[in-house]
Amino acid sequence: MRTFVAGQEAADEMEFVELALGIDIDLFRGPLEQETAEQRRARRDVAHEVLRDLREAAEAGDEVAGWDALYADALTRTVPFMRAARGQRAGTGAAA
């Protein structure tokens, strides 16, 4: 069975969620693999800008942007637990 969201085919469940919500999960959660400190800084800078834009849109009356902002903000707190479960220190990708 093929699944489409807004005319785009979703390859898997994660892509379906990203297409449906309009949120790049890895941008806010971070990759589950290693990332360098520089990559992490760049990703987090972009994530903060996107989150700021979503919050501004929400304050201007965009309810969907408000829900997206809440979801994106929650994703930013999931990385430490997920990396800890894989035996990595939060934020570094290095083994604990």
C-alpha atoms as a PDB file:
ATOM      1  CA  MET A   1       0.000   0.000   0.000  1.00  0.00           C
ATOM      2  CA  ARG A   2       1.329   3.434  -0.906  1.00  0.00           C
ATOM      3  CA  THR A   3       0.772   6.444   1.325  1.00  0.00           C
ATOM      4  CA  PHE A   4       0.685  10.018   0.058  1.00  0.00           C
ATOM      5  CA  VAL A   5       0.642  13.291   1.961  1.00  0.00           C
ATOM      6  CA  ALA A   6       0.094  16.515   0.032  1.00  0.00           C
ATOM      7  CA  GLY A   7       0.969  14.764  -3.213  1.00  0.00           C
ATOM      8  CA  GLN A   8       4.222  13.260  -1.950  1.00  0.00           C
ATOM      9  CA  GLU A   9       4.714   9.561  -1.341  1.00  0.00           C
ATOM     10  CA  ALA A  10       5.939   8.629   2.133  1.00  0.00           C
ATOM     11  CA  ALA A  11       8.607   5.909   2.056  1.00  0.00           C
ATOM     12  CA  ASP A  12       8.088   4.841   5.684  1.00  0.00           C
ATOM     13  CA  GLU A  13       6.268   5.741   8.905  1.00  0.00           C
ATOM     14  CA  MET A  14       8.802   8.398   9.916  1.00  0.00           C
ATOM     15  CA  GLU A  15       8.567  10.134   6.557  1.00  0.00           C
ATOM     16  CA  PHE A  16       4.765  10.019   6.778  1.00  0.00           C
ATOM     17  CA  VAL A  17       4.879  11.808  10.143  1.00  0.00           C
ATOM     18  CA  GLU A  18       7.339  14.388   8.798  1.00  0.00           C
ATOM     19  CA  LEU A  19       5.196  15.064   5.734  1.00  0.00           C
ATOM     20  CA  ALA A  20       1.947  15.159   7.708  1.00  0.00           C
ATOM     21  CA  LEU A  21       3.242  17.474  10.424  1.00  0.00           C
ATOM     22  CA  GLY A  22       5.684  19.473   8.343  1.00  0.00           C
ATOM     23  CA  ILE A  23       8.397  18.886  10.939  1.00  0.00           C
ATOM     24  CA  ASP A  24      11.869  17.497  10.196  1.00  0.00           C
ATOM     25  CA  ILE A  25      12.245  15.232  13.205  1.00  0.00           C
ATOM     26  CA  ASP A  26      16.032  14.860  12.950  1.00  0.00           C
ATOM     27  CA  LEU A  27      16.423  18.642  12.910  1.00  0.00           C
ATOM     28  CA  PHE A  28      14.954  18.923  16.404  1.00  0.00           C
ATOM     29  CA  ARG A  29      15.729  15.503  17.861  1.00  0.00           C
ATOM     30  CA  GLY A  30      19.135  15.150  16.284  1.00  0.00           C
ATOM     31  CA  PRO A  31      20.445  12.107  14.500  1.00  0.00           C
ATOM     32  CA  LEU A  32      20.740   8.868  16.393  1.00  0.00           C
ATOM     33  CA  GLU A  33      24.210   8.395  14.897  1.00  0.00           C
ATOM     34  CA  GLN A  34      27.250  10.432  15.813  1.00  0.00           C
ATOM     35  CA  GLU A  35      27.443  14.072  14.875  1.00  0.00           C
ATOM     36  CA  THR A  36      30.391  16.371  15.358  1.00  0.00           C
ATOM     37  CA  ALA A  37      30.192  19.346  17.683  1.00  0.00           C
ATOM     38  CA  GLU A  38      30.170  21.636  14.637  1.00  0.00           C
ATOM     39  CA  GLN A  39      27.330  19.697  12.990  1.00  0.00           C
ATOM     40  CA  ARG A  40      25.376  19.758  16.228  1.00  0.00           C
ATOM     41  CA  ARG A  41      25.837  23.524  16.634  1.00  0.00           C
ATOM     42  CA  ALA A  42      24.703  24.181  13.056  1.00  0.00           C
ATOM     43  CA  ARG A  43      21.679  21.863  13.403  1.00  0.00           C
ATOM     44  CA  ARG A  44      20.653  23.416  16.703  1.00  0.00           C
ATOM     45  CA  ASP A  45      21.027  26.962  15.345  1.00  0.00           C
ATOM     46  CA  VAL A  46      18.667  26.144  12.472  1.00  0.00           C
ATOM     47  CA  ALA A  47      16.273  24.333  14.808  1.00  0.00           C
ATOM     48  CA  HIS A  48      16.132  27.384  17.117  1.00  0.00           C
ATOM     49  CA  GLU A  49      15.361  29.660  14.150  1.00  0.00           C
ATOM     50  CA  VAL A  50      12.606  27.357  12.878  1.00  0.00           C
ATOM     51  CA  LEU A  51      11.141  27.034  16.378  1.00  0.00           C
ATOM     52  CA  ARG A  52      11.194  30.830  16.772  1.00  0.00           C
ATOM     53  CA  ASP A  53       9.379  31.223  13.445  1.00  0.00           C
ATOM     54  CA  LEU A  54       6.771  28.640  14.477  1.00  0.00           C
ATOM     55  CA  ARG A  55       6.175  30.424  17.782  1.00  0.00           C
ATOM     56  CA  GLU A  56       5.828  33.782  16.019  1.00  0.00           C
ATOM     57  CA  ALA A  57       3.314  32.287  13.589  1.00  0.00           C
ATOM     58  CA  ALA A  58       1.420  30.792  16.519  1.00  0.00           C
ATOM     59  CA  GLU A  59       1.290  34.147  18.285  1.00  0.00           C
ATOM     60  CA  ALA A  60      -0.072  35.652  15.066  1.00  0.00           C
ATOM     61  CA  GLY A  61      -2.963  33.173  15.203  1.00  0.00           C
ATOM     62  CA  ASP A  62      -1.711  30.097  13.310  1.00  0.00           C
ATOM     63  CA  GLU A  63      -2.934  27.255  15.501  1.00  0.00           C
ATOM     64  CA  VAL A  64      -1.162  24.563  13.451  1.00  0.00           C
ATOM     65  CA  ALA A  65       2.153  26.379  13.878  1.00  0.00           C
ATOM     66  CA  GLY A  66       1.494  26.445  17.619  1.00  0.00           C
ATOM     67  CA  TRP A  67       1.034  22.680  17.751  1.00  0.00           C
ATOM     68  CA  ASP A  68       4.090  22.194  15.530  1.00  0.00           C
ATOM     69  CA  ALA A  69       6.115  24.393  17.886  1.00  0.00           C
ATOM     70  CA  LEU A  70       5.049  22.308  20.886  1.00  0.00           C
ATOM     71  CA  TYR A  71       5.941  19.072  19.084  1.00  0.00           C
ATOM     72  CA  ALA A  72       9.292  20.407  17.860  1.00  0.00           C
ATOM     73  CA  ASP A  73      10.150  21.702  21.323  1.00  0.00           C
ATOM     74  CA  ALA A  74       9.327  18.299  22.839  1.00  0.00           C
ATOM     75  CA  LEU A  75      11.566  16.598  20.279  1.00  0.00           C
ATOM     76  CA  THR A  76      14.530  18.656  21.487  1.00  0.00           C
ATOM     77  CA  ARG A  77      14.327  16.849  24.833  1.00  0.00           C
ATOM     78  CA  THR A  78      14.228  13.296  23.451  1.00  0.00           C
ATOM     79  CA  VAL A  79      17.873  13.036  22.383  1.00  0.00           C
ATOM     80  CA  PRO A  80      19.548  12.487  25.755  1.00  0.00           C
ATOM     81  CA  PHE A  81      17.304   9.537  26.611  1.00  0.00           C
ATOM     82  CA  MET A  82      17.672   7.925  23.193  1.00  0.00           C
ATOM     83  CA  ARG A  83      21.439   8.336  23.124  1.00  0.00           C
ATOM     84  CA  ALA A  84      21.741   7.121  26.713  1.00  0.00           C
ATOM     85  CA  ALA A  85      19.836   3.995  25.742  1.00  0.00           C
ATOM     86  CA  ARG A  86      22.427   3.421  23.021  1.00  0.00           C
ATOM     87  CA  GLY A  87      25.311   3.966  25.456  1.00  0.00           C
ATOM     88  CA  GLN A  88      26.300   7.421  24.208  1.00  0.00           C
ATOM     89  CA  ARG A  89      26.726  10.636  26.091  1.00  0.00           C
ATOM     90  CA  ALA A  90      24.082  13.222  25.324  1.00  0.00           C
ATOM     91  CA  GLY A  91      25.074  15.674  22.662  1.00  0.00           C
ATOM     92  CA  THR A  92      28.400  14.171  21.690  1.00  0.00           C
ATOM     93  CA  GLY A  93      27.746  10.903  19.921  1.00  0.00           C
ATOM     94  CA  ALA A  94      30.695   9.511  21.888  1.00  0.00           C
ATOM     95  CA  ALA A  95      30.495   6.288  23.847  1.00  0.00           C
ATOM     96  CA  ALA A  96      29.888   6.750  27.549  1.00  0.00           C
END
